[in-house]
Amino acid sequence: MKYVSTVSYQVVLNGYVGGKFQPTRGLRQGDPLSPFLFLICGEGLSSLMRLAAREGLSKGVKCVNFDKSTVFFSKNTLEEEMNLVVNLLGVCSSNEPERYLGLQNIVGRKKKDAFLKLKDRIKKELTTRVPDFFHKVGKRVLKAKYYPRSSFLEAQLGSLPSLSWKSIWAAKGLLKKELCWRIGQGHKVSIWEDCWIQGIDSLQRSNNSENVQLVLVSDLIDHANRKWREEIVSNTFQPEVARSIFQIPLSASAHEDFQVWKGELTGTFSVRSVYKLLQVVNLDPNHYLLQTESKLFFRKLWKLQLPPRVAIII
């Protein structure tokens, strides 16, 4: 054990990485070395116990905690017999089945009814709290590691990325293609580079345009009256493009620009719409699937003949 050292930690707070520090109480739960040390110690202890059993050095021992023990009797048991057993064992008696760790001590014949409430509670936890918890934690971990100072759409693959990040990052191109801006103030949206007009992915700047200073969509909005600057829009774009711009509603109160998903009428992302898009889009499917070399690697890995305990860790 003298060759085993603990890990160091860094805390990420608001996108900034703090200094390194080491735990002072040895290996704790969650330490990456803990599973491997468990295997090493477990295998060593098992070998020593098998050796002691073969040499006759170990004997079986049964321990009972009478303070936590309770005897249950049938309704047909006589009271004299109940008192005799309780005095002989030195434990308490009870006629009502108690619970231990949320489970009934006595199940009986109606096993389905006994565990129905527990099943419903587990189902509720799995469908509400657990997915939401892992979604939030996973999102924070990925952001802190791969794009702490940018958005996901600007993130790079990075060096030595995990398989999960490779899979998510591979679909970023499709995500960017199907995102569109909803105009509020227009300060975040580029007129020429972003998708903000229904049916038009990007606009080409006209060489004959006299409005060369136009950069953001906010330059096309009359913010005082919350309407489009009709003269500038008509003089800058083709008539059909200008009509499409005039059809974009502007709310009475200014709000921040935000992105919506073009695959759904509600603007909310859904896996269903992505699946439909992949059926009709003419793109290389390898760009949106796990990398071929990664699939081949894991295919070979799962075929290895490994001890079950090692395979679980992998």
Protein backbone atom coordinates (compact mmCIF):
# COMPACT_ATOMS: atom_id res chain seq x y z
CA MET A 1 0.00 0.00 0.00
CA LYS A 2 2.98 2.36 0.36
CA TYR A 3 3.10 2.71 -3.44
CA VAL A 4 -0.53 3.89 -3.62
CA SER A 5 -1.15 7.62 -3.46
CA THR A 6 -4.42 9.47 -3.47
CA VAL A 7 -5.70 11.78 -6.18
CA SER A 8 -5.78 15.55 -6.26
CA TYR A 9 -8.89 17.64 -6.83
CA GLN A 10 -9.72 20.98 -8.45
CA VAL A 11 -12.99 22.85 -7.95
CA VAL A 12 -14.63 24.60 -10.91
CA LEU A 13 -16.70 27.60 -9.79
CA ASN A 14 -18.47 29.81 -12.35
CA GLY A 15 -16.20 28.54 -15.10
CA TYR A 16 -12.94 29.21 -13.23
CA VAL A 17 -10.69 26.33 -12.12
CA GLY A 18 -9.24 26.62 -8.63
CA GLY A 19 -5.98 25.32 -7.24
CA LYS A 20 -5.21 21.65 -6.62
CA PHE A 21 -5.65 20.08 -3.21
CA GLN A 22 -5.48 16.55 -1.80
CA PRO A 23 -7.77 14.85 0.72
CA THR A 24 -6.12 14.36 4.12
CA ARG A 25 -8.10 11.31 5.24
CA GLY A 26 -6.84 8.84 2.70
CA LEU A 27 -8.93 7.29 -0.05
CA ARG A 28 -12.57 8.29 0.14
CA GLN A 29 -15.72 7.17 -1.62
CA GLY A 30 -15.62 8.31 -5.24
CA ASP A 31 -11.83 8.18 -5.49
CA PRO A 32 -10.86 6.63 -8.87
CA LEU A 33 -8.47 4.27 -7.07
CA SER A 34 -11.11 2.90 -4.69
CA PRO A 35 -12.56 0.22 -7.03
CA PHE A 36 -9.12 -1.12 -7.87
CA LEU A 37 -8.03 -1.23 -4.23
CA PHE A 38 -11.26 -3.04 -3.41
CA LEU A 39 -10.43 -5.69 -6.02
CA ILE A 40 -6.87 -6.07 -4.77
CA CYS A 41 -7.85 -6.35 -1.10
CA GLY A 42 -10.89 -8.51 -1.85
CA GLU A 43 -8.90 -11.00 -3.91
CA GLY A 44 -6.15 -11.09 -1.27
CA LEU A 45 -8.60 -11.65 1.60
CA SER A 46 -10.45 -14.37 -0.32
CA SER A 47 -7.18 -16.20 -1.02
CA LEU A 48 -6.15 -16.03 2.64
CA MET A 49 -9.54 -17.34 3.79
CA ARG A 50 -9.45 -20.24 1.33
CA LEU A 51 -5.92 -21.12 2.47
CA ALA A 52 -6.95 -21.01 6.16
CA ALA A 53 -10.00 -23.19 5.45
CA ARG A 54 -7.87 -25.84 3.69
CA GLU A 55 -5.44 -25.95 6.61
CA GLY A 56 -8.24 -26.12 9.15
CA LEU A 57 -7.29 -22.87 10.83
CA SER A 58 -10.69 -21.16 10.51
CA LYS A 59 -14.03 -22.14 12.02
CA GLY A 60 -17.48 -20.78 11.32
CA VAL A 61 -18.85 -18.24 13.78
CA LYS A 62 -22.43 -16.93 13.96
CA CYS A 63 -23.10 -13.57 15.57
CA VAL A 64 -26.56 -12.45 16.63
CA ASN A 65 -27.44 -8.99 17.93
CA PHE A 66 -30.25 -9.70 20.38
CA ASP A 67 -30.92 -5.98 20.88
CA LYS A 68 -32.04 -5.72 17.25
CA SER A 69 -33.80 -9.07 17.10
CA THR A 70 -37.55 -9.60 17.31
CA VAL A 71 -39.60 -12.79 17.32
CA PHE A 72 -42.91 -12.88 15.42
CA PHE A 73 -45.55 -15.40 16.40
CA SER A 74 -48.53 -16.74 14.56
CA LYS A 75 -51.99 -15.83 15.82
CA ASN A 76 -52.51 -19.50 16.66
CA THR A 77 -49.56 -19.57 19.09
CA LEU A 78 -50.48 -19.94 22.76
CA GLU A 79 -49.38 -17.17 25.09
CA GLU A 80 -47.53 -19.60 27.38
CA GLU A 81 -45.45 -20.88 24.47
CA MET A 82 -44.71 -17.33 23.35
CA ASN A 83 -43.42 -16.36 26.80
CA LEU A 84 -41.31 -19.52 26.95
CA VAL A 85 -39.56 -18.76 23.66
CA VAL A 86 -39.04 -15.07 24.50
CA ASN A 87 -37.50 -15.90 27.90
CA LEU A 88 -35.33 -18.62 26.39
CA LEU A 89 -33.91 -16.42 23.60
CA GLY A 90 -33.88 -13.16 25.52
CA VAL A 91 -35.43 -11.13 22.71
CA CYS A 92 -38.56 -9.02 22.23
CA SER A 93 -41.76 -10.30 20.67
CA SER A 94 -44.24 -8.61 18.35
CA ASN A 95 -47.53 -9.42 16.69
CA GLU A 96 -47.32 -6.61 14.07
CA PRO A 97 -44.86 -6.98 11.17
CA GLU A 98 -42.30 -4.21 11.35
CA ARG A 99 -40.29 -2.63 8.58
CA TYR A 100 -36.55 -2.60 8.13
CA LEU A 101 -35.01 -0.22 5.56
CA GLY A 102 -38.48 0.36 4.15
CA LEU A 103 -39.18 -3.36 3.61
CA GLN A 104 -41.52 -5.64 5.52
CA ASN A 105 -39.84 -8.23 7.71
CA ILE A 106 -42.62 -10.71 7.01
CA VAL A 107 -43.89 -10.88 3.44
CA GLY A 108 -46.25 -13.84 3.52
CA ARG A 109 -47.98 -15.31 0.51
CA LYS A 110 -49.08 -12.01 -1.09
CA LYS A 111 -45.62 -10.98 -2.28
CA LYS A 112 -46.94 -8.76 -5.07
CA ASP A 113 -49.00 -6.63 -2.70
CA ALA A 114 -46.15 -6.43 -0.18
CA PHE A 115 -43.67 -4.94 -2.67
CA LEU A 116 -46.12 -2.90 -4.77
CA LYS A 117 -45.59 0.34 -2.84
CA LEU A 118 -41.81 -0.08 -3.00
CA LYS A 119 -42.00 -0.69 -6.74
CA ASP A 120 -44.08 2.45 -7.25
CA ARG A 121 -41.65 4.54 -5.20
CA ILE A 122 -38.63 3.31 -7.16
CA LYS A 123 -40.42 3.90 -10.45
CA LYS A 124 -41.29 7.45 -9.42
CA GLU A 125 -37.70 8.20 -8.43
CA LEU A 126 -36.31 6.78 -11.67
CA THR A 127 -38.72 8.75 -13.86
CA THR A 128 -38.45 12.12 -12.06
CA ARG A 129 -35.46 12.89 -9.90
CA VAL A 130 -32.74 10.57 -11.25
CA PRO A 131 -32.80 11.63 -14.94
CA ASP A 132 -33.03 15.30 -14.01
CA PHE A 133 -30.13 14.97 -11.56
CA PHE A 134 -27.81 13.20 -14.02
CA HIS A 135 -28.80 15.59 -16.80
CA LYS A 136 -27.77 18.62 -14.76
CA VAL A 137 -24.61 17.04 -13.36
CA GLY A 138 -23.53 15.66 -16.74
CA LYS A 139 -24.06 19.02 -18.42
CA ARG A 140 -21.95 20.81 -15.83
CA VAL A 141 -19.14 18.26 -16.04
CA LEU A 142 -18.95 18.44 -19.84
CA LYS A 143 -19.00 22.25 -19.83
CA ALA A 144 -16.30 22.51 -17.16
CA LYS A 145 -14.02 20.10 -19.03
CA TYR A 146 -14.55 20.84 -22.72
CA TYR A 147 -15.98 24.36 -23.12
CA PRO A 148 -15.66 26.32 -19.84
CA ARG A 149 -15.43 29.72 -21.53
CA SER A 150 -17.68 29.28 -24.56
CA SER A 151 -21.02 27.85 -25.62
CA PHE A 152 -21.54 24.29 -26.84
CA LEU A 153 -21.88 25.43 -30.45
CA GLU A 154 -18.41 27.00 -30.24
CA ALA A 155 -16.80 24.05 -28.43
CA GLN A 156 -13.88 22.14 -29.92
CA LEU A 157 -13.31 18.39 -29.79
CA GLY A 158 -10.13 18.86 -27.75
CA SER A 159 -7.34 16.43 -27.00
CA LEU A 160 -8.04 12.98 -25.55
CA PRO A 161 -11.84 13.40 -25.53
CA SER A 162 -14.04 10.80 -23.89
CA LEU A 163 -16.31 8.56 -25.94
CA SER A 164 -19.38 10.39 -24.58
CA TRP A 165 -18.03 13.78 -25.64
CA LYS A 166 -17.07 12.42 -29.09
CA SER A 167 -20.60 11.18 -29.59
CA ILE A 168 -22.18 14.48 -28.51
CA TRP A 169 -19.73 16.64 -30.42
CA ALA A 170 -20.21 14.61 -33.62
CA ALA A 171 -23.84 15.77 -33.82
CA LYS A 172 -23.02 19.45 -33.28
CA GLY A 173 -23.04 20.17 -37.03
CA LEU A 174 -26.57 18.89 -37.43
CA LEU A 175 -27.69 20.84 -34.38
CA LYS A 176 -26.26 24.11 -35.73
CA LYS A 177 -27.91 23.49 -39.10
CA GLU A 178 -31.39 23.19 -37.56
CA LEU A 179 -31.19 26.09 -35.10
CA CYS A 180 -32.81 29.41 -35.94
CA TRP A 181 -32.94 32.74 -34.08
CA ARG A 182 -36.08 34.34 -32.68
CA ILE A 183 -35.60 38.08 -32.81
CA GLY A 184 -35.99 40.19 -29.68
CA GLN A 185 -33.59 43.11 -29.62
CA GLY A 186 -31.43 41.71 -32.44
CA HIS A 187 -28.12 42.46 -30.72
CA LYS A 188 -26.91 38.83 -30.80
CA VAL A 189 -27.86 37.96 -34.39
CA SER A 190 -25.73 38.62 -37.46
CA ILE A 191 -27.68 39.70 -40.53
CA TRP A 192 -25.44 37.86 -42.95
CA GLU A 193 -24.10 34.82 -41.06
CA ASP A 194 -26.93 33.60 -38.83
CA CYS A 195 -30.23 31.91 -39.65
CA TRP A 196 -33.05 34.24 -38.57
CA ILE A 197 -35.43 34.34 -41.58
CA GLN A 198 -37.82 31.44 -42.12
CA GLY A 199 -36.67 29.34 -45.08
CA ILE A 200 -33.33 31.18 -45.53
CA ASP A 201 -30.21 29.78 -43.86
CA SER A 202 -27.93 32.74 -44.63
CA LEU A 203 -27.91 35.93 -46.69
CA GLN A 204 -25.35 37.13 -49.18
CA ARG A 205 -24.27 40.72 -48.86
CA SER A 206 -25.08 42.69 -52.00
CA ASN A 207 -22.18 44.61 -53.56
CA ASN A 208 -24.62 47.28 -54.73
CA SER A 209 -26.02 47.88 -51.28
CA GLU A 210 -25.53 51.34 -49.92
CA ASN A 211 -25.98 50.13 -46.32
CA VAL A 212 -22.52 48.61 -45.83
CA GLN A 213 -22.60 49.41 -42.11
CA LEU A 214 -25.40 46.94 -41.43
CA VAL A 215 -24.04 44.08 -39.31
CA LEU A 216 -26.59 43.01 -36.70
CA VAL A 217 -30.35 42.53 -36.98
CA SER A 218 -30.75 45.30 -34.40
CA ASP A 219 -29.63 47.72 -37.14
CA LEU A 220 -32.86 46.90 -39.02
CA ILE A 221 -35.19 47.58 -36.07
CA ASP A 222 -36.78 50.83 -34.96
CA HIS A 223 -36.42 50.17 -31.24
CA ALA A 224 -38.47 53.18 -30.16
CA ASN A 225 -41.59 52.00 -32.02
CA ARG A 226 -40.73 48.26 -32.02
CA LYS A 227 -41.09 47.79 -35.77
CA TRP A 228 -38.89 47.12 -38.79
CA ARG A 229 -37.16 50.03 -40.54
CA GLU A 230 -39.01 49.53 -43.79
CA GLU A 231 -36.92 51.84 -45.96
CA ILE A 232 -33.61 50.26 -44.98
CA VAL A 233 -34.95 46.71 -45.33
CA SER A 234 -36.49 47.40 -48.75
CA ASN A 235 -33.31 49.05 -50.06
CA THR A 236 -31.00 46.34 -48.73
CA PHE A 237 -32.68 43.04 -49.64
CA GLN A 238 -34.46 41.48 -52.58
CA PRO A 239 -38.26 41.98 -52.53
CA GLU A 240 -39.05 38.37 -51.51
CA VAL A 241 -36.48 38.51 -48.68
CA ALA A 242 -37.82 41.88 -47.52
CA ARG A 243 -41.37 40.47 -47.40
CA SER A 244 -40.16 37.56 -45.27
CA ILE A 245 -38.49 39.98 -42.85
CA PHE A 246 -41.64 42.11 -42.52
CA GLN A 247 -43.57 38.95 -41.60
CA ILE A 248 -41.32 38.35 -38.57
CA PRO A 249 -43.29 39.70 -35.56
CA LEU A 250 -41.62 41.99 -33.04
CA SER A 251 -42.98 41.96 -29.51
CA ALA A 252 -44.14 45.20 -27.90
CA SER A 253 -41.57 44.81 -25.13
CA ALA A 254 -37.95 44.15 -26.06
CA HIS A 255 -36.41 40.84 -24.93
CA GLU A 256 -33.20 38.95 -25.56
CA ASP A 257 -32.73 36.98 -28.76
CA PHE A 258 -32.97 33.21 -28.35
CA GLN A 259 -32.55 30.17 -30.55
CA VAL A 260 -35.31 27.72 -31.48
CA TRP A 261 -35.40 24.31 -33.15
CA LYS A 262 -36.69 24.39 -36.72
CA GLY A 263 -37.72 20.74 -36.67
CA GLU A 264 -40.75 21.40 -34.42
CA LEU A 265 -43.51 24.00 -34.75
CA THR A 266 -43.15 24.80 -31.05
CA GLY A 267 -39.43 25.51 -31.50
CA THR A 268 -38.55 22.94 -28.83
CA PHE A 269 -35.92 20.30 -29.54
CA SER A 270 -37.10 16.68 -29.74
CA VAL A 271 -35.37 13.41 -30.57
CA ARG A 272 -38.27 12.52 -32.87
CA SER A 273 -37.58 15.48 -35.16
CA VAL A 274 -33.87 14.63 -35.34
CA TYR A 275 -34.68 11.05 -36.30
CA LYS A 276 -36.98 12.26 -39.07
CA LEU A 277 -34.33 14.69 -40.28
CA LEU A 278 -31.69 11.97 -40.52
CA GLN A 279 -34.02 9.91 -42.71
CA VAL A 280 -34.25 12.57 -45.41
CA VAL A 281 -31.05 14.60 -45.15
CA ASN A 282 -28.34 13.74 -47.66
CA LEU A 283 -25.36 13.57 -45.31
CA ASP A 284 -22.67 11.07 -44.46
CA PRO A 285 -24.12 9.08 -41.53
CA ASN A 286 -20.64 8.47 -40.13
CA HIS A 287 -20.55 12.15 -39.16
CA TYR A 288 -23.39 11.59 -36.71
CA LEU A 289 -22.53 8.14 -35.40
CA LEU A 290 -19.84 6.85 -33.10
CA GLN A 291 -16.43 6.85 -34.73
CA THR A 292 -15.62 3.61 -36.54
CA GLU A 293 -12.36 3.10 -34.70
CA SER A 294 -14.09 3.50 -31.33
CA LYS A 295 -16.72 0.90 -32.21
CA LEU A 296 -14.04 -1.57 -33.34
CA PHE A 297 -12.06 -0.97 -30.15
CA PHE A 298 -15.00 -1.66 -27.84
CA ARG A 299 -16.07 -4.64 -29.92
CA LYS A 300 -12.67 -6.23 -29.30
CA LEU A 301 -12.68 -5.15 -25.66
CA TRP A 302 -15.96 -6.92 -24.82
CA LYS A 303 -14.69 -10.14 -26.42
CA LEU A 304 -11.74 -10.37 -24.02
CA GLN A 305 -11.88 -13.21 -21.50
CA LEU A 306 -11.58 -11.25 -18.25
CA PRO A 307 -12.51 -12.05 -14.64
CA PRO A 308 -16.06 -10.84 -13.91
CA ARG A 309 -14.90 -8.34 -11.29
CA VAL A 310 -12.48 -6.72 -13.71
CA ALA A 311 -15.11 -6.62 -16.47
CA ILE A 312 -17.54 -4.76 -14.15
CA ILE A 313 -14.94 -2.04 -13.49
CA ILE A 314 -14.33 -1.61 -17.22
